[in-house]
């Protein structure tokens, strides 16, 4: 996606990931795909929203999945 990552970090506990830290040029990834959503954010990070439909109170379901 043309993001200039110099380092990467993977986490299964930080729900604002995936994200990009432009200060450190670090890409931050979520290990648990069920925790990827657009609901959470962190002001220190550029949140990268996953490509899916958002359904209120759901984090992983797309409209075609139900």
PDB file of N, CA and C in Angstrom:
ATOM      1  N   UNK A   1       0.812  -1.204   0.000  1.00  0.00           N
ATOM      2  CA  UNK A   1       0.000   0.000   0.000  1.00  0.00           C
ATOM      3  C   UNK A   1       0.854   1.266   0.000  1.00  0.00           C
ATOM      4  N   UNK A   2       2.103   1.137  -0.371  1.00  0.00           N
ATOM      5  CA  UNK A   2       3.023   2.277  -0.443  1.00  0.00           C
ATOM      6  C   UNK A   2       3.201   2.994   0.884  1.00  0.00           C
ATOM      7  N   UNK A   3       3.216   2.242   1.965  1.00  0.00           N
ATOM      8  CA  UNK A   3       3.483   2.793   3.294  1.00  0.00           C
ATOM      9  C   UNK A   3       4.941   2.494   3.616  1.00  0.00           C
ATOM     10  N   UNK A   4       5.736   3.515   3.949  1.00  0.00           N
ATOM     11  CA  UNK A   4       7.185   3.324   4.153  1.00  0.00           C
ATOM     12  C   UNK A   4       7.535   2.732   5.526  1.00  0.00           C
ATOM     13  N   UNK A   5       7.208   1.463   5.735  1.00  0.00           N
ATOM     14  CA  UNK A   5       7.487   0.812   7.029  1.00  0.00           C
ATOM     15  C   UNK A   5       8.979   0.538   7.176  1.00  0.00           C
ATOM     16  N   UNK A   6       9.553   0.974   8.283  1.00  0.00           N
ATOM     17  CA  UNK A   6      10.941   0.631   8.580  1.00  0.00           C
ATOM     18  C   UNK A   6      10.998  -0.544   9.544  1.00  0.00           C
ATOM     19  N   UNK A   7       9.984  -0.658  10.411  1.00  0.00           N
ATOM     20  CA  UNK A   7       9.871  -1.799  11.317  1.00  0.00           C
ATOM     21  C   UNK A   7       8.404  -2.198  11.395  1.00  0.00           C
ATOM     22  N   UNK A   8       8.156  -3.382  11.931  1.00  0.00           N
ATOM     23  CA  UNK A   8       6.796  -3.882  12.088  1.00  0.00           C
ATOM     24  C   UNK A   8       6.618  -4.458  13.488  1.00  0.00           C
ATOM     25  N   UNK A   9       5.386  -4.404  13.961  1.00  0.00           N
ATOM     26  CA  UNK A   9       5.038  -5.009  15.254  1.00  0.00           C
ATOM     27  C   UNK A   9       3.713  -5.732  15.075  1.00  0.00           C
ATOM     28  N   UNK A  10       3.612  -6.917  15.670  1.00  0.00           N
ATOM     29  CA  UNK A  10       2.384  -7.698  15.624  1.00  0.00           C
ATOM     30  C   UNK A  10       1.873  -7.853  17.045  1.00  0.00           C
ATOM     31  N   UNK A  11       0.554  -7.701  17.218  1.00  0.00           N
ATOM     32  CA  UNK A  11      -0.036  -7.780  18.545  1.00  0.00           C
ATOM     33  C   UNK A  11      -1.396  -8.448  18.470  1.00  0.00           C
ATOM     34  N   UNK A  12      -1.766  -9.159  19.507  1.00  0.00           N
ATOM     35  CA  UNK A  12      -3.124  -9.703  19.571  1.00  0.00           C
ATOM     36  C   UNK A  12      -3.929  -9.027  20.674  1.00  0.00           C
ATOM     37  N   UNK A  13      -3.383  -7.946  21.222  1.00  0.00           N
ATOM     38  CA  UNK A  13      -4.085  -7.277  22.312  1.00  0.00           C
ATOM     39  C   UNK A  13      -4.408  -5.817  22.060  1.00  0.00           C
ATOM     40  N   UNK A  14      -3.868  -5.224  21.017  1.00  0.00           N
ATOM     41  CA  UNK A  14      -4.078  -3.799  20.770  1.00  0.00           C
ATOM     42  C   UNK A  14      -5.143  -3.661  19.682  1.00  0.00           C
ATOM     43  N   UNK A  15      -6.348  -3.226  20.051  1.00  0.00           N
ATOM     44  CA  UNK A  15      -7.447  -3.238  19.092  1.00  0.00           C
ATOM     45  C   UNK A  15      -7.478  -2.027  18.166  1.00  0.00           C
ATOM     46  N   UNK A  16      -6.518  -1.123  18.280  1.00  0.00           N
ATOM     47  CA  UNK A  16      -6.406  -0.028  17.310  1.00  0.00           C
ATOM     48  C   UNK A  16      -5.539  -0.430  16.128  1.00  0.00           C
ATOM     49  N   UNK A  17      -4.981  -1.629  16.159  1.00  0.00           N
ATOM     50  CA  UNK A  17      -4.186  -2.125  15.036  1.00  0.00           C
ATOM     51  C   UNK A  17      -5.120  -2.770  14.026  1.00  0.00           C
ATOM     52  N   UNK A  18      -4.894  -2.698  12.749  1.00  0.00           N
ATOM     53  CA  UNK A  18      -3.687  -2.254  12.081  1.00  0.00           C
ATOM     54  C   UNK A  18      -3.584  -0.732  12.051  1.00  0.00           C
ATOM     55  N   UNK A  19      -2.348  -0.267  12.142  1.00  0.00           N
ATOM     56  CA  UNK A  19      -2.102   1.175  12.167  1.00  0.00           C
ATOM     57  C   UNK A  19      -0.683   1.451  11.692  1.00  0.00           C
ATOM     58  N   UNK A  20      -0.410   2.732  11.520  1.00  0.00           N
ATOM     59  CA  UNK A  20       0.913   3.174  11.094  1.00  0.00           C
ATOM     60  C   UNK A  20       1.340   4.329  11.979  1.00  0.00           C
ATOM     61  N   UNK A  21       2.558   4.243  12.518  1.00  0.00           N
ATOM     62  CA  UNK A  21       3.127   5.321  13.322  1.00  0.00           C
ATOM     63  C   UNK A  21       4.057   6.110  12.414  1.00  0.00           C
ATOM     64  N   UNK A  22       3.617   7.302  11.996  1.00  0.00           N
ATOM     65  CA  UNK A  22       4.407   8.085  11.042  1.00  0.00           C
ATOM     66  C   UNK A  22       5.671   8.671  11.658  1.00  0.00           C
ATOM     67  N   UNK A  23       5.707   8.814  12.982  1.00  0.00           N
ATOM     68  CA  UNK A  23       6.902   9.329  13.645  1.00  0.00           C
ATOM     69  C   UNK A  23       8.044   8.313  13.581  1.00  0.00           C
ATOM     70  N   UNK A  24       7.740   7.066  13.930  1.00  0.00           N
ATOM     71  CA  UNK A  24       8.761   6.016  13.922  1.00  0.00           C
ATOM     72  C   UNK A  24       8.773   5.207  12.627  1.00  0.00           C
ATOM     73  N   UNK A  25       7.826   5.479  11.734  1.00  0.00           N
ATOM     74  CA  UNK A  25       7.661   4.736  10.476  1.00  0.00           C
ATOM     75  C   UNK A  25       7.512   3.241  10.738  1.00  0.00           C
ATOM     76  N   UNK A  26       6.690   2.924  11.738  1.00  0.00           N
ATOM     77  CA  UNK A  26       6.457   1.548  12.150  1.00  0.00           C
ATOM     78  C   UNK A  26       5.050   1.122  11.746  1.00  0.00           C
ATOM     79  N   UNK A  27       4.946  -0.043  11.106  1.00  0.00           N
ATOM     80  CA  UNK A  27       3.655  -0.631  10.774  1.00  0.00           C
ATOM     81  C   UNK A  27       3.247  -1.568  11.902  1.00  0.00           C
ATOM     82  N   UNK A  28       2.010  -1.456  12.309  1.00  0.00           N
ATOM     83  CA  UNK A  28       1.505  -2.205  13.449  1.00  0.00           C
ATOM     84  C   UNK A  28       0.342  -3.077  12.985  1.00  0.00           C
ATOM     85  N   UNK A  29       0.457  -4.375  13.215  1.00  0.00           N
ATOM     86  CA  UNK A  29      -0.517  -5.323  12.692  1.00  0.00           C
ATOM     87  C   UNK A  29      -1.220  -6.066  13.824  1.00  0.00           C
ATOM     88  N   UNK A  30      -2.453  -6.478  13.548  1.00  0.00           N
ATOM     89  CA  UNK A  30      -3.261  -7.244  14.485  1.00  0.00           C
ATOM     90  C   UNK A  30      -3.136  -8.722  14.135  1.00  0.00           C
ATOM     91  N   UNK A  31      -2.770  -9.546  15.114  1.00  0.00           N
ATOM     92  CA  UNK A  31      -2.659 -10.988  14.887  1.00  0.00           C
ATOM     93  C   UNK A  31      -4.026 -11.664  14.811  1.00  0.00           C
ATOM     94  N   UNK A  32      -4.991 -11.155  15.567  1.00  0.00           N
ATOM     95  CA  UNK A  32      -6.323 -11.753  15.605  1.00  0.00           C
ATOM     96  C   UNK A  32      -7.239 -10.992  14.651  1.00  0.00           C
ATOM     97  N   UNK A  33      -7.594 -11.579  13.495  1.00  0.00           N
ATOM     98  CA  UNK A  33      -8.407 -10.856  12.514  1.00  0.00           C
ATOM     99  C   UNK A  33      -9.786 -10.464  13.039  1.00  0.00           C
ATOM    100  N   UNK A  34     -10.277 -11.150  14.075  1.00  0.00           N
ATOM    101  CA  UNK A  34     -11.580 -10.792  14.640  1.00  0.00           C
ATOM    102  C   UNK A  34     -11.536  -9.484  15.411  1.00  0.00           C
ATOM    103  N   UNK A  35     -10.336  -9.019  15.784  1.00  0.00           N
ATOM    104  CA  UNK A  35     -10.213  -7.761  16.521  1.00  0.00           C
ATOM    105  C   UNK A  35      -9.990  -6.562  15.613  1.00  0.00           C
ATOM    106  N   UNK A  36      -9.836  -6.780  14.314  1.00  0.00           N
ATOM    107  CA  UNK A  36      -9.661  -5.667  13.378  1.00  0.00           C
ATOM    108  C   UNK A  36     -10.996  -4.986  13.145  1.00  0.00           C
ATOM    109  N   UNK A  37     -11.071  -3.722  13.440  1.00  0.00           N
ATOM    110  CA  UNK A  37     -12.289  -2.966  13.179  1.00  0.00           C
ATOM    111  C   UNK A  37     -11.954  -1.495  13.068  1.00  0.00           C
ATOM    112  N   UNK A  38     -12.953  -0.718  12.708  1.00  0.00           N
ATOM    113  CA  UNK A  38     -12.768   0.730  12.576  1.00  0.00           C
ATOM    114  C   UNK A  38     -13.267   1.466  13.812  1.00  0.00           C
ATOM    115  N   UNK A  39     -13.678   0.738  14.827  1.00  0.00           N
ATOM    116  CA  UNK A  39     -14.294   1.342  16.009  1.00  0.00           C
ATOM    117  C   UNK A  39     -13.263   2.032  16.883  1.00  0.00           C
ATOM    118  N   UNK A  40     -12.110   1.439  17.095  1.00  0.00           N
ATOM    119  CA  UNK A  40     -11.086   1.994  17.989  1.00  0.00           C
ATOM    120  C   UNK A  40     -10.048   2.783  17.223  1.00  0.00           C
ATOM    121  N   UNK A  41      -9.436   3.732  17.899  1.00  0.00           N
ATOM    122  CA  UNK A  41      -8.353   4.495  17.297  1.00  0.00           C
ATOM    123  C   UNK A  41      -7.393   4.940  18.388  1.00  0.00           C
ATOM    124  N   UNK A  42      -6.283   5.477  17.978  1.00  0.00           N
ATOM    125  CA  UNK A  42      -5.265   5.984  18.882  1.00  0.00           C
ATOM    126  C   UNK A  42      -4.724   7.257  18.242  1.00  0.00           C
ATOM    127  N   UNK A  43      -4.743   8.365  18.945  1.00  0.00           N
ATOM    128  CA  UNK A  43      -4.346   9.641  18.361  1.00  0.00           C
ATOM    129  C   UNK A  43      -2.890   9.663  17.915  1.00  0.00           C
ATOM    130  N   UNK A  44      -2.055   8.794  18.459  1.00  0.00           N
ATOM    131  CA  UNK A  44      -0.647   8.751  18.080  1.00  0.00           C
ATOM    132  C   UNK A  44      -0.420   7.944  16.803  1.00  0.00           C
ATOM    133  N   UNK A  45      -1.469   7.277  16.310  1.00  0.00           N
ATOM    134  CA  UNK A  45      -1.330   6.380  15.169  1.00  0.00           C
ATOM    135  C   UNK A  45      -2.273   6.769  14.042  1.00  0.00           C
ATOM    136  N   UNK A  46      -1.891   6.414  12.833  1.00  0.00           N
ATOM    137  CA  UNK A  46      -2.791   6.500  11.685  1.00  0.00           C
ATOM    138  C   UNK A  46      -3.457   5.143  11.560  1.00  0.00           C
ATOM    139  N   UNK A  47      -4.705   5.065  11.950  1.00  0.00           N
ATOM    140  CA  UNK A  47      -5.431   3.792  11.953  1.00  0.00           C
ATOM    141  C   UNK A  47      -5.726   3.367  10.524  1.00  0.00           C
ATOM    142  N   UNK A  48      -5.426   2.125  10.196  1.00  0.00           N
ATOM    143  CA  UNK A  48      -5.712   1.563   8.883  1.00  0.00           C
ATOM    144  C   UNK A  48      -6.944   0.683   9.013  1.00  0.00           C
ATOM    145  N   UNK A  49      -8.024   1.139   8.465  1.00  0.00           N
ATOM    146  CA  UNK A  49      -9.289   0.451   8.603  1.00  0.00           C
ATOM    147  C   UNK A  49      -9.361  -0.733   7.644  1.00  0.00           C
ATOM    148  N   UNK A  50      -9.747  -1.916   8.130  1.00  0.00           N
ATOM    149  CA  UNK A  50      -9.865  -3.066   7.230  1.00  0.00           C
ATOM    150  C   UNK A  50     -11.015  -2.862   6.241  1.00  0.00           C
ATOM    151  N   UNK A  51     -10.913  -3.501   5.102  1.00  0.00           N
ATOM    152  CA  UNK A  51     -11.942  -3.381   4.072  1.00  0.00           C
ATOM    153  C   UNK A  51     -13.076  -4.350   4.370  1.00  0.00           C
ATOM    154  N   UNK A  52     -14.104  -3.860   5.009  1.00  0.00           N
ATOM    155  CA  UNK A  52     -15.297  -4.665   5.291  1.00  0.00           C
ATOM    156  C   UNK A  52     -16.444  -3.732   5.633  1.00  0.00           C
ATOM    157  N   UNK A  53     -17.616  -4.256   5.583  1.00  0.00           N
ATOM    158  CA  UNK A  53     -18.804  -3.496   5.973  1.00  0.00           C
ATOM    159  C   UNK A  53     -18.884  -3.431   7.486  1.00  0.00           C
ATOM    160  N   UNK A  54     -19.337  -2.315   8.001  1.00  0.00           N
ATOM    161  CA  UNK A  54     -19.499  -2.180   9.445  1.00  0.00           C
ATOM    162  C   UNK A  54     -20.961  -2.418   9.811  1.00  0.00           C
ATOM    163  N   UNK A  55     -21.189  -3.306  10.727  1.00  0.00           N
ATOM    164  CA  UNK A  55     -22.521  -3.557  11.264  1.00  0.00           C
ATOM    165  C   UNK A  55     -22.444  -3.246  12.750  1.00  0.00           C
ATOM    166  N   UNK A  56     -23.334  -2.386  13.229  1.00  0.00           N
ATOM    167  CA  UNK A  56     -23.310  -1.967  14.631  1.00  0.00           C
ATOM    168  C   UNK A  56     -23.215  -3.173  15.563  1.00  0.00           C
ATOM    169  N   UNK A  57     -22.314  -3.081  16.542  1.00  0.00           N
ATOM    170  CA  UNK A  57     -22.072  -4.111  17.560  1.00  0.00           C
ATOM    171  C   UNK A  57     -21.386  -5.363  17.018  1.00  0.00           C
ATOM    172  N   UNK A  58     -20.914  -5.343  15.779  1.00  0.00           N
ATOM    173  CA  UNK A  58     -20.171  -6.466  15.219  1.00  0.00           C
ATOM    174  C   UNK A  58     -18.784  -5.975  14.844  1.00  0.00           C
ATOM    175  N   UNK A  59     -17.798  -6.846  14.920  1.00  0.00           N
ATOM    176  CA  UNK A  59     -16.438  -6.441  14.564  1.00  0.00           C
ATOM    177  C   UNK A  59     -15.896  -7.194  13.355  1.00  0.00           C
ATOM    178  N   UNK A  60     -16.460  -8.327  13.002  1.00  0.00           N
ATOM    179  CA  UNK A  60     -15.855  -9.131  11.953  1.00  0.00           C
ATOM    180  C   UNK A  60     -16.797  -9.541  10.846  1.00  0.00           C
ATOM    181  N   UNK A  61     -18.080  -9.317  10.983  1.00  0.00           N
ATOM    182  CA  UNK A  61     -19.023  -9.789   9.982  1.00  0.00           C
ATOM    183  C   UNK A  61     -19.238  -8.776   8.875  1.00  0.00           C
ATOM    184  N   UNK A  62     -19.290  -9.252   7.652  1.00  0.00           N
ATOM    185  CA  UNK A  62     -19.651  -8.389   6.532  1.00  0.00           C
ATOM    186  C   UNK A  62     -21.093  -8.714   6.151  1.00  0.00           C
ATOM    187  N   UNK A  63     -21.735  -7.846   5.389  1.00  0.00           N
ATOM    188  CA  UNK A  63     -23.137  -8.052   5.030  1.00  0.00           C
ATOM    189  C   UNK A  63     -23.345  -9.347   4.266  1.00  0.00           C
ATOM    190  N   UNK A  64     -22.376  -9.729   3.433  1.00  0.00           N
ATOM    191  CA  UNK A  64     -22.496 -10.963   2.667  1.00  0.00           C
ATOM    192  C   UNK A  64     -22.299 -12.204   3.541  1.00  0.00           C
ATOM    193  N   UNK A  65     -21.806 -12.017   4.769  1.00  0.00           N
ATOM    194  CA  UNK A  65     -21.527 -13.152   5.654  1.00  0.00           C
ATOM    195  C   UNK A  65     -22.741 -13.584   6.461  1.00  0.00           C
ATOM    196  N   UNK A  66     -23.793 -12.781   6.467  1.00  0.00           N
ATOM    197  CA  UNK A  66     -24.960 -13.135   7.291  1.00  0.00           C
ATOM    198  C   UNK A  66     -26.171 -13.438   6.434  1.00  0.00           C
TER     199      UNK A  66
END
